């Protein structure tokens, strides 16, 4: 991984539940894929700002 992982305290909370979390899988992918690092950063920003960055066509 060339990119540094983003600080993701809000996403970390999702991993603490009793159900499997998609965040765990993304963090595993982020070890090898820079695009997953970027996605985690964008998801964290979305949780902080409460704004969606993905719009349907």
PDB file of N, CA and C in Angstrom:
ATOM      1  N   UNK A   1       0.847  -1.178   0.000  1.00  0.00           N
ATOM      2  CA  UNK A   1       0.000   0.000   0.000  1.00  0.00           C
ATOM      3  C   UNK A   1       0.888   1.236   0.000  1.00  0.00           C
ATOM      4  N   UNK A   2       0.686   2.079  -0.962  1.00  0.00           N
ATOM      5  CA  UNK A   2       1.471   3.298  -1.063  1.00  0.00           C
ATOM      6  C   UNK A   2       0.840   4.449  -0.286  1.00  0.00           C
ATOM      7  N   UNK A   3      -0.486   4.448  -0.196  1.00  0.00           N
ATOM      8  CA  UNK A   3      -1.178   5.538   0.484  1.00  0.00           C
ATOM      9  C   UNK A   3      -1.316   5.254   1.974  1.00  0.00           C
ATOM     10  N   UNK A   4      -1.296   6.338   2.742  1.00  0.00           N
ATOM     11  CA  UNK A   4      -1.485   6.231   4.184  1.00  0.00           C
ATOM     12  C   UNK A   4      -2.978   6.098   4.490  1.00  0.00           C
ATOM     13  N   UNK A   5      -3.319   5.223   5.432  1.00  0.00           N
ATOM     14  CA  UNK A   5      -4.718   5.035   5.817  1.00  0.00           C
ATOM     15  C   UNK A   5      -5.251   6.303   6.478  1.00  0.00           C
ATOM     16  N   UNK A   6      -6.512   6.601   6.190  1.00  0.00           N
ATOM     17  CA  UNK A   6      -7.188   7.739   6.805  1.00  0.00           C
ATOM     18  C   UNK A   6      -7.629   7.367   8.215  1.00  0.00           C
ATOM     19  N   UNK A   7      -7.727   8.352   9.077  1.00  0.00           N
ATOM     20  CA  UNK A   7      -8.292   8.144  10.403  1.00  0.00           C
ATOM     21  C   UNK A   7      -9.801   7.983  10.232  1.00  0.00           C
ATOM     22  N   UNK A   8     -10.363   6.862  10.709  1.00  0.00           N
ATOM     23  CA  UNK A   8     -11.782   6.561  10.457  1.00  0.00           C
ATOM     24  C   UNK A   8     -12.523   6.182  11.741  1.00  0.00           C
ATOM     25  N   UNK A   9     -12.640   7.100  12.694  1.00  0.00           N
ATOM     26  CA  UNK A   9     -13.312   6.748  13.957  1.00  0.00           C
ATOM     27  C   UNK A   9     -14.787   6.385  13.785  1.00  0.00           C
ATOM     28  N   UNK A  10     -15.489   7.035  12.866  1.00  0.00           N
ATOM     29  CA  UNK A  10     -16.906   6.714  12.660  1.00  0.00           C
ATOM     30  C   UNK A  10     -17.082   5.340  12.030  1.00  0.00           C
ATOM     31  N   UNK A  11     -16.243   5.016  11.065  1.00  0.00           N
ATOM     32  CA  UNK A  11     -16.330   3.699  10.442  1.00  0.00           C
ATOM     33  C   UNK A  11     -15.907   2.602  11.413  1.00  0.00           C
ATOM     34  N   UNK A  12     -14.970   2.917  12.302  1.00  0.00           N
ATOM     35  CA  UNK A  12     -14.546   1.940  13.310  1.00  0.00           C
ATOM     36  C   UNK A  12     -15.714   1.537  14.204  1.00  0.00           C
ATOM     37  N   UNK A  13     -16.615   2.457  14.458  1.00  0.00           N
ATOM     38  CA  UNK A  13     -17.796   2.152  15.276  1.00  0.00           C
ATOM     39  C   UNK A  13     -18.679   1.100  14.609  1.00  0.00           C
ATOM     40  N   UNK A  14     -18.732   1.117  13.283  1.00  0.00           N
ATOM     41  CA  UNK A  14     -19.542   0.135  12.566  1.00  0.00           C
ATOM     42  C   UNK A  14     -18.996  -1.281  12.736  1.00  0.00           C
ATOM     43  N   UNK A  15     -17.707  -1.403  12.972  1.00  0.00           N
ATOM     44  CA  UNK A  15     -17.089  -2.721  13.144  1.00  0.00           C
ATOM     45  C   UNK A  15     -17.366  -3.321  14.519  1.00  0.00           C
ATOM     46  N   UNK A  16     -17.820  -2.527  15.446  1.00  0.00           N
ATOM     47  CA  UNK A  16     -18.025  -2.995  16.819  1.00  0.00           C
ATOM     48  C   UNK A  16     -19.342  -3.725  17.024  1.00  0.00           C
ATOM     49  N   UNK A  17     -20.238  -3.692  16.048  1.00  0.00           N
ATOM     50  CA  UNK A  17     -21.536  -4.342  16.175  1.00  0.00           C
ATOM     51  C   UNK A  17     -21.423  -5.856  16.124  1.00  0.00           C
ATOM     52  N   UNK A  18     -22.556  -6.524  16.367  1.00  0.00           N
ATOM     53  CA  UNK A  18     -22.528  -7.987  16.391  1.00  0.00           C
ATOM     54  C   UNK A  18     -22.602  -8.601  14.995  1.00  0.00           C
ATOM     55  N   UNK A  19     -22.934  -7.806  13.988  1.00  0.00           N
ATOM     56  CA  UNK A  19     -23.030  -8.308  12.622  1.00  0.00           C
ATOM     57  C   UNK A  19     -21.746  -8.004  11.859  1.00  0.00           C
ATOM     58  N   UNK A  20     -21.417  -8.821  10.870  1.00  0.00           N
ATOM     59  CA  UNK A  20     -20.218  -8.540  10.060  1.00  0.00           C
ATOM     60  C   UNK A  20     -20.336  -7.175   9.382  1.00  0.00           C
ATOM     61  N   UNK A  21     -19.229  -6.491   9.290  1.00  0.00           N
ATOM     62  CA  UNK A  21     -19.227  -5.136   8.749  1.00  0.00           C
ATOM     63  C   UNK A  21     -18.502  -5.086   7.408  1.00  0.00           C
ATOM     64  N   UNK A  22     -19.055  -4.329   6.476  1.00  0.00           N
ATOM     65  CA  UNK A  22     -18.388  -4.125   5.189  1.00  0.00           C
ATOM     66  C   UNK A  22     -17.088  -3.351   5.376  1.00  0.00           C
ATOM     67  N   UNK A  23     -16.978  -2.616   6.466  1.00  0.00           N
ATOM     68  CA  UNK A  23     -15.779  -1.817   6.731  1.00  0.00           C
ATOM     69  C   UNK A  23     -14.568  -2.729   6.927  1.00  0.00           C
ATOM     70  N   UNK A  24     -14.775  -3.853   7.587  1.00  0.00           N
ATOM     71  CA  UNK A  24     -13.688  -4.804   7.810  1.00  0.00           C
ATOM     72  C   UNK A  24     -13.125  -5.283   6.475  1.00  0.00           C
ATOM     73  N   UNK A  25     -14.012  -5.600   5.553  1.00  0.00           N
ATOM     74  CA  UNK A  25     -13.572  -6.033   4.229  1.00  0.00           C
ATOM     75  C   UNK A  25     -12.841  -4.939   3.472  1.00  0.00           C
ATOM     76  N   UNK A  26     -13.336  -3.716   3.569  1.00  0.00           N
ATOM     77  CA  UNK A  26     -12.671  -2.599   2.893  1.00  0.00           C
ATOM     78  C   UNK A  26     -11.280  -2.344   3.470  1.00  0.00           C
ATOM     79  N   UNK A  27     -11.154  -2.461   4.779  1.00  0.00           N
ATOM     80  CA  UNK A  27      -9.838  -2.254   5.394  1.00  0.00           C
ATOM     81  C   UNK A  27      -8.863  -3.345   4.963  1.00  0.00           C
ATOM     82  N   UNK A  28      -9.370  -4.559   4.800  1.00  0.00           N
ATOM     83  CA  UNK A  28      -8.524  -5.655   4.331  1.00  0.00           C
ATOM     84  C   UNK A  28      -8.065  -5.365   2.891  1.00  0.00           C
ATOM     85  N   UNK A  29      -8.982  -4.905   2.047  1.00  0.00           N
ATOM     86  CA  UNK A  29      -8.630  -4.552   0.667  1.00  0.00           C
ATOM     87  C   UNK A  29      -7.665  -3.374   0.608  1.00  0.00           C
ATOM     88  N   UNK A  30      -7.793  -2.448   1.549  1.00  0.00           N
ATOM     89  CA  UNK A  30      -6.960  -1.238   1.551  1.00  0.00           C
ATOM     90  C   UNK A  30      -5.484  -1.548   1.769  1.00  0.00           C
ATOM     91  N   UNK A  31      -5.187  -2.725   2.292  1.00  0.00           N
ATOM     92  CA  UNK A  31      -3.782  -3.103   2.473  1.00  0.00           C
ATOM     93  C   UNK A  31      -3.071  -3.244   1.131  1.00  0.00           C
ATOM     94  N   UNK A  32      -3.833  -3.600   0.086  1.00  0.00           N
ATOM     95  CA  UNK A  32      -3.239  -3.823  -1.232  1.00  0.00           C
ATOM     96  C   UNK A  32      -3.697  -2.842  -2.303  1.00  0.00           C
ATOM     97  N   UNK A  33      -4.845  -2.219  -2.104  1.00  0.00           N
ATOM     98  CA  UNK A  33      -5.433  -1.372  -3.145  1.00  0.00           C
ATOM     99  C   UNK A  33      -5.625   0.058  -2.646  1.00  0.00           C
ATOM    100  N   UNK A  34      -4.964   0.989  -3.319  1.00  0.00           N
ATOM    101  CA  UNK A  34      -5.085   2.401  -2.941  1.00  0.00           C
ATOM    102  C   UNK A  34      -6.510   2.921  -3.092  1.00  0.00           C
ATOM    103  N   UNK A  35      -7.254   2.383  -4.046  1.00  0.00           N
ATOM    104  CA  UNK A  35      -8.619   2.864  -4.260  1.00  0.00           C
ATOM    105  C   UNK A  35      -9.493   2.581  -3.038  1.00  0.00           C
ATOM    106  N   UNK A  36      -9.226   1.490  -2.331  1.00  0.00           N
ATOM    107  CA  UNK A  36      -9.987   1.182  -1.118  1.00  0.00           C
ATOM    108  C   UNK A  36      -9.641   2.167  -0.004  1.00  0.00           C
ATOM    109  N   UNK A  37      -8.400   2.630   0.041  1.00  0.00           N
ATOM    110  CA  UNK A  37      -7.998   3.650   1.018  1.00  0.00           C
ATOM    111  C   UNK A  37      -8.792   4.933   0.760  1.00  0.00           C
ATOM    112  N   UNK A  38      -8.891   5.308  -0.509  1.00  0.00           N
ATOM    113  CA  UNK A  38      -9.653   6.510  -0.876  1.00  0.00           C
ATOM    114  C   UNK A  38     -11.131   6.356  -0.541  1.00  0.00           C
ATOM    115  N   UNK A  39     -11.684   5.174  -0.795  1.00  0.00           N
ATOM    116  CA  UNK A  39     -13.094   4.929  -0.499  1.00  0.00           C
ATOM    117  C   UNK A  39     -13.366   5.045   0.999  1.00  0.00           C
ATOM    118  N   UNK A  40     -12.483   4.498   1.824  1.00  0.00           N
ATOM    119  CA  UNK A  40     -12.649   4.623   3.276  1.00  0.00           C
ATOM    120  C   UNK A  40     -12.619   6.090   3.703  1.00  0.00           C
ATOM    121  N   UNK A  41     -11.727   6.873   3.120  1.00  0.00           N
ATOM    122  CA  UNK A  41     -11.664   8.299   3.438  1.00  0.00           C
ATOM    123  C   UNK A  41     -12.926   9.034   3.028  1.00  0.00           C
ATOM    124  N   UNK A  42     -13.459   8.685   1.870  1.00  0.00           N
ATOM    125  CA  UNK A  42     -14.683   9.337   1.399  1.00  0.00           C
ATOM    126  C   UNK A  42     -15.888   8.920   2.242  1.00  0.00           C
ATOM    127  N   UNK A  43     -15.953   7.659   2.635  1.00  0.00           N
ATOM    128  CA  UNK A  43     -17.038   7.201   3.503  1.00  0.00           C
ATOM    129  C   UNK A  43     -16.991   7.907   4.855  1.00  0.00           C
ATOM    130  N   UNK A  44     -15.798   8.048   5.408  1.00  0.00           N
ATOM    131  CA  UNK A  44     -15.650   8.741   6.692  1.00  0.00           C
ATOM    132  C   UNK A  44     -16.109  10.193   6.562  1.00  0.00           C
ATOM    133  N   UNK A  45     -15.723  10.846   5.468  1.00  0.00           N
ATOM    134  CA  UNK A  45     -16.159  12.228   5.241  1.00  0.00           C
ATOM    135  C   UNK A  45     -17.676  12.300   5.132  1.00  0.00           C
ATOM    136  N   UNK A  46     -18.271  11.317   4.485  1.00  0.00           N
ATOM    137  CA  UNK A  46     -19.724  11.280   4.332  1.00  0.00           C
ATOM    138  C   UNK A  46     -20.416  11.146   5.688  1.00  0.00           C
ATOM    139  N   UNK A  47     -19.863  10.321   6.567  1.00  0.00           N
ATOM    140  CA  UNK A  47     -20.441  10.180   7.909  1.00  0.00           C
ATOM    141  C   UNK A  47     -20.293  11.472   8.712  1.00  0.00           C
ATOM    142  N   UNK A  48     -19.167  12.165   8.554  1.00  0.00           N
ATOM    143  CA  UNK A  48     -18.947  13.409   9.298  1.00  0.00           C
ATOM    144  C   UNK A  48     -19.864  14.528   8.820  1.00  0.00           C
ATOM    145  N   UNK A  49     -19.994  14.670   7.502  1.00  0.00           N
ATOM    146  CA  UNK A  49     -20.767  15.782   6.947  1.00  0.00           C
ATOM    147  C   UNK A  49     -22.243  15.453   6.784  1.00  0.00           C
ATOM    148  N   UNK A  50     -22.591  14.168   6.933  1.00  0.00           N
ATOM    149  CA  UNK A  50     -23.963  13.678   6.743  1.00  0.00           C
ATOM    150  C   UNK A  50     -24.478  14.023   5.352  1.00  0.00           C
ATOM    151  N   UNK A  51     -23.576  13.943   4.385  1.00  0.00           N
ATOM    152  CA  UNK A  51     -23.909  14.257   3.004  1.00  0.00           C
ATOM    153  C   UNK A  51     -23.537  13.069   2.124  1.00  0.00           C
ATOM    154  N   UNK A  52     -24.412  12.729   1.203  1.00  0.00           N
ATOM    155  CA  UNK A  52     -24.110  11.656   0.262  1.00  0.00           C
ATOM    156  C   UNK A  52     -23.308  12.181  -0.915  1.00  0.00           C
ATOM    157  N   UNK A  53     -22.312  11.447  -1.318  1.00  0.00           N
ATOM    158  CA  UNK A  53     -21.474  11.858  -2.435  1.00  0.00           C
ATOM    159  C   UNK A  53     -21.752  11.040  -3.681  1.00  0.00           C
ATOM    160  N   UNK A  54     -22.725  10.131  -3.600  1.00  0.00           N
ATOM    161  CA  UNK A  54     -23.058   9.274  -4.727  1.00  0.00           C
ATOM    162  C   UNK A  54     -24.496   9.559  -5.122  1.00  0.00           C
ATOM    163  N   UNK A  55     -24.682   9.882  -6.352  1.00  0.00           N
ATOM    164  CA  UNK A  55     -26.023  10.183  -6.858  1.00  0.00           C
ATOM    165  C   UNK A  55     -26.365   9.200  -7.966  1.00  0.00           C
ATOM    166  N   UNK A  56     -27.597   8.776  -7.973  1.00  0.00           N
ATOM    167  CA  UNK A  56     -28.054   7.871  -9.022  1.00  0.00           C
ATOM    168  C   UNK A  56     -28.242   8.611 -10.336  1.00  0.00           C
ATOM    169  N   UNK A  57     -28.218   7.884 -11.425  1.00  0.00           N
ATOM    170  CA  UNK A  57     -28.323   8.485 -12.743  1.00  0.00           C
ATOM    171  C   UNK A  57     -29.690   8.751 -13.107  1.00  0.00           C
TER     172      UNK A  57
END
